[in-house]
Amino acid sequence: SIVEHLQKKGFTIENKPNAKLSDEMYDELIKEFSSSIAVKEKADH
């Protein structure tokens, strides 16, 4: 899901576990998937 989203946004990334994400990529993912973070935090509690 991460790779697919980043590729749609014009980033080049391979679907390999050790692929490196730049700060720009990471910021884009935080914007897109922030709701998933909230769900995980709620589940952890």
All heavy atoms as atom14 arrays in JSON, in Angstrom:
{
  "sequence": "SIVEHLQKKGFTIENKPNAKLSDEMYDELIKEFSSSIAVKEKADH",
  "atom14_mask": [
    [1, 1, 1, 1, 1, 1, 0, 0, 0, 0, 0, 0, 0, 0],
    [1, 1, 1, 1, 1, 1, 1, 1, 0, 0, 0, 0, 0, 0],
    [1, 1, 1, 1, 1, 1, 1, 0, 0, 0, 0, 0, 0, 0],
    [1, 1, 1, 1, 1, 1, 1, 1, 1, 0, 0, 0, 0, 0],
    [1, 1, 1, 1, 1, 1, 1, 1, 1, 1, 0, 0, 0, 0],
    [1, 1, 1, 1, 1, 1, 1, 1, 0, 0, 0, 0, 0, 0],
    [1, 1, 1, 1, 1, 1, 1, 1, 1, 0, 0, 0, 0, 0],
    [1, 1, 1, 1, 1, 1, 1, 1, 1, 0, 0, 0, 0, 0],
    [1, 1, 1, 1, 1, 1, 1, 1, 1, 0, 0, 0, 0, 0],
    [1, 1, 1, 1, 0, 0, 0, 0, 0, 0, 0, 0, 0, 0],
    [1, 1, 1, 1, 1, 1, 1, 1, 1, 1, 1, 0, 0, 0],
    [1, 1, 1, 1, 1, 1, 1, 0, 0, 0, 0, 0, 0, 0],
    [1, 1, 1, 1, 1, 1, 1, 1, 0, 0, 0, 0, 0, 0],
    [1, 1, 1, 1, 1, 1, 1, 1, 1, 0, 0, 0, 0, 0],
    [1, 1, 1, 1, 1, 1, 1, 1, 0, 0, 0, 0, 0, 0],
    [1, 1, 1, 1, 1, 1, 1, 1, 1, 0, 0, 0, 0, 0],
    [1, 1, 1, 1, 1, 1, 1, 0, 0, 0, 0, 0, 0, 0],
    [1, 1, 1, 1, 1, 1, 1, 1, 0, 0, 0, 0, 0, 0],
    [1, 1, 1, 1, 1, 0, 0, 0, 0, 0, 0, 0, 0, 0],
    [1, 1, 1, 1, 1, 1, 1, 1, 1, 0, 0, 0, 0, 0],
    [1, 1, 1, 1, 1, 1, 1, 1, 0, 0, 0, 0, 0, 0],
    [1, 1, 1, 1, 1, 1, 0, 0, 0, 0, 0, 0, 0, 0],
    [1, 1, 1, 1, 1, 1, 1, 1, 0, 0, 0, 0, 0, 0],
    [1, 1, 1, 1, 1, 1, 1, 1, 1, 0, 0, 0, 0, 0],
    [1, 1, 1, 1, 1, 1, 1, 1, 0, 0, 0, 0, 0, 0],
    [1, 1, 1, 1, 1, 1, 1, 1, 1, 1, 1, 1, 0, 0],
    [1, 1, 1, 1, 1, 1, 1, 1, 0, 0, 0, 0, 0, 0],
    [1, 1, 1, 1, 1, 1, 1, 1, 1, 0, 0, 0, 0, 0],
    [1, 1, 1, 1, 1, 1, 1, 1, 0, 0, 0, 0, 0, 0],
    [1, 1, 1, 1, 1, 1, 1, 1, 0, 0, 0, 0, 0, 0],
    [1, 1, 1, 1, 1, 1, 1, 1, 1, 0, 0, 0, 0, 0],
    [1, 1, 1, 1, 1, 1, 1, 1, 1, 0, 0, 0, 0, 0],
    [1, 1, 1, 1, 1, 1, 1, 1, 1, 1, 1, 0, 0, 0],
    [1, 1, 1, 1, 1, 1, 0, 0, 0, 0, 0, 0, 0, 0],
    [1, 1, 1, 1, 1, 1, 0, 0, 0, 0, 0, 0, 0, 0],
    [1, 1, 1, 1, 1, 1, 0, 0, 0, 0, 0, 0, 0, 0],
    [1, 1, 1, 1, 1, 1, 1, 1, 0, 0, 0, 0, 0, 0],
    [1, 1, 1, 1, 1, 0, 0, 0, 0, 0, 0, 0, 0, 0],
    [1, 1, 1, 1, 1, 1, 1, 0, 0, 0, 0, 0, 0, 0],
    [1, 1, 1, 1, 1, 1, 1, 1, 1, 0, 0, 0, 0, 0],
    [1, 1, 1, 1, 1, 1, 1, 1, 1, 0, 0, 0, 0, 0],
    [1, 1, 1, 1, 1, 1, 1, 1, 1, 0, 0, 0, 0, 0],
    [1, 1, 1, 1, 1, 0, 0, 0, 0, 0, 0, 0, 0, 0],
    [1, 1, 1, 1, 1, 1, 1, 1, 0, 0, 0, 0, 0, 0],
    [1, 1, 1, 1, 1, 1, 1, 1, 1, 1, 0, 0, 0, 0]
  ],
  "atom14_positions": [
    [[0.83, -1.2, 0.0], [0.0, 0.0, 0.0], [0.87, 1.25, 0.0], [0.56, 2.23, -0.69], [-0.91, 0.04, 1.23], [-1.81, -1.04, 1.22], [0.0, 0.0, 0.0], [0.0, 0.0, 0.0], [0.0, 0.0, 0.0], [0.0, 0.0, 0.0], [0.0, 0.0, 0.0], [0.0, 0.0, 0.0], [0.0, 0.0, 0.0], [0.0, 0.0, 0.0]],
    [[1.94, 1.22, 0.76], [2.86, 2.36, 0.82], [3.52, 2.57, -0.54], [3.54, 3.69, -1.06], [3.93, 2.14, 1.91], [3.27, 2.28, 3.29], [5.09, 3.11, 1.74], [4.19, 1.98, 4.44], [0.0, 0.0, 0.0], [0.0, 0.0, 0.0], [0.0, 0.0, 0.0], [0.0, 0.0, 0.0], [0.0, 0.0, 0.0], [0.0, 0.0, 0.0]],
    [[4.04, 1.5, -1.13], [4.72, 1.6, -2.42], [3.76, 2.11, -3.48], [4.08, 3.01, -4.26], [5.34, 0.24, -2.82], [5.83, 0.26, -4.26], [6.47, -0.13, -1.87], [0.0, 0.0, 0.0], [0.0, 0.0, 0.0], [0.0, 0.0, 0.0], [0.0, 0.0, 0.0], [0.0, 0.0, 0.0], [0.0, 0.0, 0.0], [0.0, 0.0, 0.0]],
    [[2.55, 1.56, -3.51], [1.55, 1.97, -4.49], [1.22, 3.45, -4.35], [1.16, 4.19, -5.34], [0.29, 1.13, -4.3], [-0.77, 1.38, -5.34], [-1.98, 0.47, -5.12], [-1.77, -0.75, -4.93], [-3.1, 0.97, -5.12], [0.0, 0.0, 0.0], [0.0, 0.0, 0.0], [0.0, 0.0, 0.0], [0.0, 0.0, 0.0], [0.0, 0.0, 0.0]],
    [[1.03, 3.91, -3.12], [0.69, 5.31, -2.89], [1.84, 6.22, -3.33], [1.61, 7.23, -4.0], [0.36, 5.56, -1.42], [0.13, 7.0, -1.11], [-1.01, 7.66, -1.49], [0.91, 7.92, -0.48], [-0.93, 8.92, -1.11], [0.23, 9.1, -0.49], [0.0, 0.0, 0.0], [0.0, 0.0, 0.0], [0.0, 0.0, 0.0], [0.0, 0.0, 0.0]],
    [[3.07, 5.87, -2.95], [4.21, 6.7, -3.31], [4.43, 6.75, -4.82], [4.76, 7.8, -5.37], [5.48, 6.21, -2.61], [5.54, 6.46, -1.11], [6.77, 5.8, -0.5], [5.52, 7.95, -0.8], [0.0, 0.0, 0.0], [0.0, 0.0, 0.0], [0.0, 0.0, 0.0], [0.0, 0.0, 0.0], [0.0, 0.0, 0.0], [0.0, 0.0, 0.0]],
    [[4.2, 5.64, -5.5], [4.36, 5.62, -6.95], [3.3, 6.49, -7.62], [3.59, 7.18, -8.6], [4.32, 4.19, -7.47], [5.58, 3.42, -7.13], [5.54, 1.96, -7.52], [4.47, 1.4, -7.75], [6.71, 1.32, -7.57], [0.0, 0.0, 0.0], [0.0, 0.0, 0.0], [0.0, 0.0, 0.0], [0.0, 0.0, 0.0], [0.0, 0.0, 0.0]],
    [[2.09, 6.5, -7.09], [1.04, 7.37, -7.62], [1.4, 8.84, -7.45], [1.01, 9.69, -8.25], [-0.3, 7.1, -6.93], [-0.99, 5.85, -7.38], [-2.31, 5.68, -6.66], [-2.97, 4.37, -7.03], [-4.22, 4.14, -6.26], [0.0, 0.0, 0.0], [0.0, 0.0, 0.0], [0.0, 0.0, 0.0], [0.0, 0.0, 0.0], [0.0, 0.0, 0.0]],
    [[2.14, 9.14, -6.39], [2.56, 10.52, -6.12], [3.83, 10.9, -6.87], [4.33, 12.01, -6.71], [2.76, 10.74, -4.62], [1.49, 10.67, -3.82], [0.6, 11.85, -4.17], [-0.64, 11.86, -3.32], [-1.46, 13.04, -3.54], [0.0, 0.0, 0.0], [0.0, 0.0, 0.0], [0.0, 0.0, 0.0], [0.0, 0.0, 0.0], [0.0, 0.0, 0.0]],
    [[4.38, 9.98, -7.68], [5.52, 10.3, -8.51], [6.87, 9.91, -7.94], [7.91, 10.21, -8.54], [0.0, 0.0, 0.0], [0.0, 0.0, 0.0], [0.0, 0.0, 0.0], [0.0, 0.0, 0.0], [0.0, 0.0, 0.0], [0.0, 0.0, 0.0], [0.0, 0.0, 0.0], [0.0, 0.0, 0.0], [0.0, 0.0, 0.0], [0.0, 0.0, 0.0]],
    [[6.89, 9.24, -6.81], [8.15, 8.79, -6.22], [8.57, 7.46, -6.84], [7.72, 6.69, -7.28], [8.02, 8.6, -4.7], [7.8, 9.88, -3.95], [6.54, 10.22, -3.49], [8.85, 10.74, -3.68], [6.32, 11.39, -2.78], [8.65, 11.91, -2.98], [7.39, 12.25, -2.53], [0.0, 0.0, 0.0], [0.0, 0.0, 0.0], [0.0, 0.0, 0.0]],
    [[9.86, 7.2, -6.87], [10.39, 5.93, -7.36], [10.84, 5.12, -6.16], [11.72, 5.55, -5.41], [11.57, 6.17, -8.31], [11.14, 6.99, -9.38], [12.1, 4.85, -8.85], [0.0, 0.0, 0.0], [0.0, 0.0, 0.0], [0.0, 0.0, 0.0], [0.0, 0.0, 0.0], [0.0, 0.0, 0.0], [0.0, 0.0, 0.0], [0.0, 0.0, 0.0]],
    [[10.21, 3.95, -5.97], [10.57, 3.09, -4.85], [10.24, 1.64, -5.23], [9.27, 1.39, -5.93], [9.83, 3.48, -3.55], [10.33, 2.64, -2.38], [8.34, 3.44, -3.71], [9.9, 3.13, -1.02], [0.0, 0.0, 0.0], [0.0, 0.0, 0.0], [0.0, 0.0, 0.0], [0.0, 0.0, 0.0], [0.0, 0.0, 0.0], [0.0, 0.0, 0.0]],
    [[11.08, 0.72, -4.78], [10.85, -0.69, -5.02], [10.15, -1.3, -3.81], [10.34, -0.85, -2.69], [12.17, -1.42, -5.24], [12.91, -0.98, -6.49], [14.19, -1.77, -6.68], [14.15, -3.01, -6.59], [15.22, -1.12, -6.89], [0.0, 0.0, 0.0], [0.0, 0.0, 0.0], [0.0, 0.0, 0.0], [0.0, 0.0, 0.0], [0.0, 0.0, 0.0]],
    [[9.36, -2.34, -4.04], [8.66, -3.01, -2.95], [9.58, -4.06, -2.33], [9.39, -5.25, -2.48], [7.36, -3.64, -3.44], [6.47, -4.07, -2.3], [6.81, -3.89, -1.13], [5.33, -4.63, -2.62], [0.0, 0.0, 0.0], [0.0, 0.0, 0.0], [0.0, 0.0, 0.0], [0.0, 0.0, 0.0], [0.0, 0.0, 0.0], [0.0, 0.0, 0.0]],
    [[10.6, -3.56, -1.64], [11.55, -4.41, -0.92], [11.56, -3.93, 0.52], [11.58, -2.73, 0.77], [12.94, -4.3, -1.52], [13.03, -4.85, -2.93], [14.44, -4.79, -3.45], [14.51, -5.4, -4.84], [15.88, -5.35, -5.37], [0.0, 0.0, 0.0], [0.0, 0.0, 0.0], [0.0, 0.0, 0.0], [0.0, 0.0, 0.0], [0.0, 0.0, 0.0]],
    [[11.58, -4.84, 1.49], [11.5, -4.45, 2.9], [12.56, -3.44, 3.34], [12.28, -2.57, 4.16], [11.69, -5.76, 3.65], [11.27, -6.81, 2.68], [11.62, -6.29, 1.32], [0.0, 0.0, 0.0], [0.0, 0.0, 0.0], [0.0, 0.0, 0.0], [0.0, 0.0, 0.0], [0.0, 0.0, 0.0], [0.0, 0.0, 0.0], [0.0, 0.0, 0.0]],
    [[13.76, -3.53, 2.79], [14.83, -2.62, 3.2], [14.96, -1.39, 2.32], [15.95, -0.66, 2.43], [16.16, -3.36, 3.29], [16.16, -4.35, 4.44], [15.57, -4.09, 5.48], [16.8, -5.47, 4.24], [0.0, 0.0, 0.0], [0.0, 0.0, 0.0], [0.0, 0.0, 0.0], [0.0, 0.0, 0.0], [0.0, 0.0, 0.0], [0.0, 0.0, 0.0]],
    [[13.98, -1.14, 1.45], [14.01, 0.06, 0.61], [14.0, 1.29, 1.52], [13.32, 1.32, 2.54], [12.81, 0.08, -0.33], [0.0, 0.0, 0.0], [0.0, 0.0, 0.0], [0.0, 0.0, 0.0], [0.0, 0.0, 0.0], [0.0, 0.0, 0.0], [0.0, 0.0, 0.0], [0.0, 0.0, 0.0], [0.0, 0.0, 0.0], [0.0, 0.0, 0.0]],
    [[14.78, 2.29, 1.15], [14.89, 3.49, 1.97], [13.87, 4.54, 1.53], [13.64, 4.74, 0.34], [16.3, 4.09, 1.86], [17.39, 3.16, 2.35], [17.27, 2.92, 3.84], [18.39, 2.0, 4.32], [18.14, 1.52, 5.65], [0.0, 0.0, 0.0], [0.0, 0.0, 0.0], [0.0, 0.0, 0.0], [0.0, 0.0, 0.0], [0.0, 0.0, 0.0]],
    [[13.27, 5.19, 2.51], [12.31, 6.27, 2.26], [12.97, 7.6, 2.59], [13.55, 7.75, 3.66], [11.07, 6.1, 3.14], [10.28, 4.81, 3.0], [9.18, 4.76, 4.04], [9.7, 4.71, 1.62], [0.0, 0.0, 0.0], [0.0, 0.0, 0.0], [0.0, 0.0, 0.0], [0.0, 0.0, 0.0], [0.0, 0.0, 0.0], [0.0, 0.0, 0.0]],
    [[12.84, 8.55, 1.69], [13.38, 9.89, 1.95], [12.44, 10.62, 2.92], [11.32, 10.16, 3.19], [13.48, 10.68, 0.65], [12.18, 10.97, 0.15], [0.0, 0.0, 0.0], [0.0, 0.0, 0.0], [0.0, 0.0, 0.0], [0.0, 0.0, 0.0], [0.0, 0.0, 0.0], [0.0, 0.0, 0.0], [0.0, 0.0, 0.0], [0.0, 0.0, 0.0]],
    [[12.9, 11.75, 3.41], [12.06, 12.56, 4.31], [10.79, 13.01, 3.61], [9.72, 13.04, 4.21], [12.84, 13.77, 4.83], [13.93, 13.38, 5.81], [13.83, 12.3, 6.42], [14.88, 14.17, 5.97], [0.0, 0.0, 0.0], [0.0, 0.0, 0.0], [0.0, 0.0, 0.0], [0.0, 0.0, 0.0], [0.0, 0.0, 0.0], [0.0, 0.0, 0.0]],
    [[10.89, 13.35, 2.32], [9.71, 13.76, 1.55], [8.7, 12.62, 1.46], [7.49, 12.83, 1.62], [10.11, 14.16, 0.13], [10.79, 15.5, 0.02], [11.09, 15.81, -1.44], [10.14, 15.99, -2.21], [12.29, 15.86, -1.77], [0.0, 0.0, 0.0], [0.0, 0.0, 0.0], [0.0, 0.0, 0.0], [0.0, 0.0, 0.0], [0.0, 0.0, 0.0]],
    [[9.18, 11.42, 1.19], [8.3, 10.25, 1.11], [7.62, 10.02, 2.46], [6.42, 9.79, 2.52], [9.1, 9.0, 0.74], [9.63, 8.97, -0.65], [10.61, 7.46, -0.86], [11.09, 7.6, -2.55], [0.0, 0.0, 0.0], [0.0, 0.0, 0.0], [0.0, 0.0, 0.0], [0.0, 0.0, 0.0], [0.0, 0.0, 0.0], [0.0, 0.0, 0.0]],
    [[8.4, 10.08, 3.52], [7.86, 9.84, 4.86], [6.8, 10.87, 5.21], [5.73, 10.52, 5.73], [9.0, 9.86, 5.88], [8.56, 9.48, 7.27], [8.3, 8.16, 7.6], [8.38, 10.45, 8.25], [7.88, 7.8, 8.87], [7.96, 10.11, 9.53], [7.71, 8.78, 9.83], [7.29, 8.44, 11.08], [0.0, 0.0, 0.0], [0.0, 0.0, 0.0]],
    [[7.05, 12.14, 4.91], [6.07, 13.19, 5.18], [4.76, 12.95, 4.42], [3.67, 13.14, 4.95], [6.63, 14.57, 4.83], [7.76, 15.0, 5.77], [7.88, 14.41, 6.87], [8.51, 15.92, 5.39], [0.0, 0.0, 0.0], [0.0, 0.0, 0.0], [0.0, 0.0, 0.0], [0.0, 0.0, 0.0], [0.0, 0.0, 0.0], [0.0, 0.0, 0.0]],
    [[4.88, 12.52, 3.18], [3.69, 12.21, 2.37], [2.9, 11.06, 2.99], [1.68, 11.09, 3.06], [4.11, 11.87, 0.94], [2.98, 11.4, 0.05], [1.86, 12.43, -0.12], [2.15, 13.64, -0.2], [0.68, 12.01, -0.15], [0.0, 0.0, 0.0], [0.0, 0.0, 0.0], [0.0, 0.0, 0.0], [0.0, 0.0, 0.0], [0.0, 0.0, 0.0]],
    [[3.6, 10.06, 3.48], [2.94, 8.91, 4.09], [2.25, 9.3, 5.4], [1.14, 8.82, 5.67], [3.95, 7.79, 4.35], [4.54, 7.15, 3.1], [5.66, 6.2, 3.47], [3.46, 6.44, 2.29], [0.0, 0.0, 0.0], [0.0, 0.0, 0.0], [0.0, 0.0, 0.0], [0.0, 0.0, 0.0], [0.0, 0.0, 0.0], [0.0, 0.0, 0.0]],
    [[2.86, 10.17, 6.17], [2.23, 10.63, 7.41], [0.92, 11.36, 7.09], [-0.1, 11.14, 7.73], [3.18, 11.57, 8.2], [4.39, 10.78, 8.7], [2.46, 12.25, 9.35], [4.07, 9.7, 9.7], [0.0, 0.0, 0.0], [0.0, 0.0, 0.0], [0.0, 0.0, 0.0], [0.0, 0.0, 0.0], [0.0, 0.0, 0.0], [0.0, 0.0, 0.0]],
    [[0.94, 12.2, 6.06], [-0.29, 12.91, 5.66], [-1.37, 11.94, 5.23], [-2.53, 12.08, 5.6], [0.0, 13.89, 4.52], [0.73, 15.13, 4.94], [0.73, 16.18, 3.85], [1.59, 15.76, 2.69], [1.8, 16.8, 1.67], [0.0, 0.0, 0.0], [0.0, 0.0, 0.0], [0.0, 0.0, 0.0], [0.0, 0.0, 0.0], [0.0, 0.0, 0.0]],
    [[-0.98, 10.95, 4.44], [-1.96, 10.02, 3.87], [-2.49, 9.02, 4.89], [-3.69, 8.71, 4.9], [-1.33, 9.26, 2.69], [-2.23, 8.25, 2.04], [-3.43, 8.86, 1.32], [-3.39, 10.06, 0.99], [-4.41, 8.13, 1.09], [0.0, 0.0, 0.0], [0.0, 0.0, 0.0], [0.0, 0.0, 0.0], [0.0, 0.0, 0.0], [0.0, 0.0, 0.0]],
    [[-1.63, 8.49, 5.73], [-2.02, 7.38, 6.6], [-2.11, 7.75, 8.07], [-2.05, 6.88, 8.94], [-1.04, 6.21, 6.41], [-1.05, 5.64, 5.02], [0.03, 5.82, 4.17], [-2.14, 4.92, 4.55], [0.03, 5.31, 2.89], [-2.15, 4.4, 3.27], [-1.07, 4.59, 2.44], [0.0, 0.0, 0.0], [0.0, 0.0, 0.0], [0.0, 0.0, 0.0]],
    [[-2.29, 9.02, 8.38], [-2.36, 9.44, 9.79], [-3.53, 8.79, 10.52], [-3.44, 8.5, 11.72], [-2.43, 10.96, 9.9], [-3.57, 11.45, 9.26], [0.0, 0.0, 0.0], [0.0, 0.0, 0.0], [0.0, 0.0, 0.0], [0.0, 0.0, 0.0], [0.0, 0.0, 0.0], [0.0, 0.0, 0.0], [0.0, 0.0, 0.0], [0.0, 0.0, 0.0]],
    [[-4.62, 8.51, 9.81], [-5.76, 7.86, 10.46], [-5.41, 6.44, 10.88], [-5.89, 5.95, 11.91], [-6.97, 7.85, 9.53], [-6.7, 7.1, 8.37], [0.0, 0.0, 0.0], [0.0, 0.0, 0.0], [0.0, 0.0, 0.0], [0.0, 0.0, 0.0], [0.0, 0.0, 0.0], [0.0, 0.0, 0.0], [0.0, 0.0, 0.0], [0.0, 0.0, 0.0]],
    [[-4.55, 5.76, 10.13], [-4.13, 4.41, 10.49], [-3.29, 4.42, 11.77], [-3.35, 3.49, 12.56], [-3.31, 3.78, 9.36], [-4.12, 3.6, 8.23], [0.0, 0.0, 0.0], [0.0, 0.0, 0.0], [0.0, 0.0, 0.0], [0.0, 0.0, 0.0], [0.0, 0.0, 0.0], [0.0, 0.0, 0.0], [0.0, 0.0, 0.0], [0.0, 0.0, 0.0]],
    [[-2.53, 5.47, 11.95], [-1.74, 5.61, 13.17], [-2.66, 5.72, 14.37], [-2.45, 5.09, 15.4], [-0.82, 6.84, 13.09], [0.22, 6.66, 11.99], [-0.1, 7.07, 14.42], [1.02, 7.92, 11.7], [0.0, 0.0, 0.0], [0.0, 0.0, 0.0], [0.0, 0.0, 0.0], [0.0, 0.0, 0.0], [0.0, 0.0, 0.0], [0.0, 0.0, 0.0]],
    [[-3.72, 6.52, 14.23], [-4.67, 6.7, 15.33], [-5.36, 5.38, 15.68], [-5.55, 5.07, 16.85], [-5.71, 7.75, 14.95], [0.0, 0.0, 0.0], [0.0, 0.0, 0.0], [0.0, 0.0, 0.0], [0.0, 0.0, 0.0], [0.0, 0.0, 0.0], [0.0, 0.0, 0.0], [0.0, 0.0, 0.0], [0.0, 0.0, 0.0], [0.0, 0.0, 0.0]],
    [[-5.72, 4.6, 14.69], [-6.37, 3.31, 14.92], [-5.41, 2.38, 15.66], [-5.81, 1.69, 16.61], [-6.82, 2.67, 13.58], [-7.24, 1.23, 13.78], [-7.95, 3.48, 12.97], [0.0, 0.0, 0.0], [0.0, 0.0, 0.0], [0.0, 0.0, 0.0], [0.0, 0.0, 0.0], [0.0, 0.0, 0.0], [0.0, 0.0, 0.0], [0.0, 0.0, 0.0]],
    [[-4.15, 2.36, 15.26], [-3.17, 1.49, 15.91], [-2.97, 1.9, 17.36], [-2.94, 1.05, 18.25], [-1.84, 1.54, 15.17], [-0.81, 0.62, 15.78], [0.51, 0.66, 15.05], [1.48, -0.29, 15.73], [2.82, -0.17, 15.25], [0.0, 0.0, 0.0], [0.0, 0.0, 0.0], [0.0, 0.0, 0.0], [0.0, 0.0, 0.0], [0.0, 0.0, 0.0]],
    [[-2.87, 3.2, 17.63], [-2.68, 3.67, 19.0], [-3.88, 3.3, 19.87], [-3.72, 2.9, 21.02], [-2.45, 5.17, 19.02], [-1.08, 5.56, 18.51], [-0.87, 7.06, 18.45], [-1.8, 7.82, 18.8], [0.24, 7.47, 18.06], [0.0, 0.0, 0.0], [0.0, 0.0, 0.0], [0.0, 0.0, 0.0], [0.0, 0.0, 0.0], [0.0, 0.0, 0.0]],
    [[-5.08, 3.42, 19.32], [-6.28, 3.07, 20.06], [-6.29, 1.57, 20.36], [-6.61, 1.15, 21.49], [-7.52, 3.46, 19.26], [-8.81, 3.34, 20.01], [-9.98, 3.88, 19.19], [-11.26, 3.79, 19.96], [-12.4, 4.33, 19.2], [0.0, 0.0, 0.0], [0.0, 0.0, 0.0], [0.0, 0.0, 0.0], [0.0, 0.0, 0.0], [0.0, 0.0, 0.0]],
    [[-5.91, 0.76, 19.4], [-5.88, -0.69, 19.59], [-4.83, -1.1, 20.62], [-5.02, -2.04, 21.38], [-5.62, -1.39, 18.27], [0.0, 0.0, 0.0], [0.0, 0.0, 0.0], [0.0, 0.0, 0.0], [0.0, 0.0, 0.0], [0.0, 0.0, 0.0], [0.0, 0.0, 0.0], [0.0, 0.0, 0.0], [0.0, 0.0, 0.0], [0.0, 0.0, 0.0]],
    [[-3.72, -0.37, 20.64], [-2.65, -0.68, 21.59], [-3.1, -0.47, 23.04], [-2.58, -1.09, 23.95], [-1.41, 0.17, 21.33], [-0.66, -0.28, 20.06], [-0.94, -1.4, 19.58], [0.19, 0.5, 19.6], [0.0, 0.0, 0.0], [0.0, 0.0, 0.0], [0.0, 0.0, 0.0], [0.0, 0.0, 0.0], [0.0, 0.0, 0.0], [0.0, 0.0, 0.0]],
    [[-4.09, 0.39, 23.25], [-4.56, 0.7, 24.59], [-5.71, -0.21, 25.07], [-6.1, -0.12, 26.22], [-4.99, 2.16, 24.69], [-3.84, 3.11, 24.52], [-2.77, 3.18, 25.39], [-3.59, 4.04, 23.57], [-1.92, 4.09, 24.98], [-2.38, 4.64, 23.88], [0.0, 0.0, 0.0], [0.0, 0.0, 0.0], [0.0, 0.0, 0.0], [0.0, 0.0, 0.0]]
  ]
}
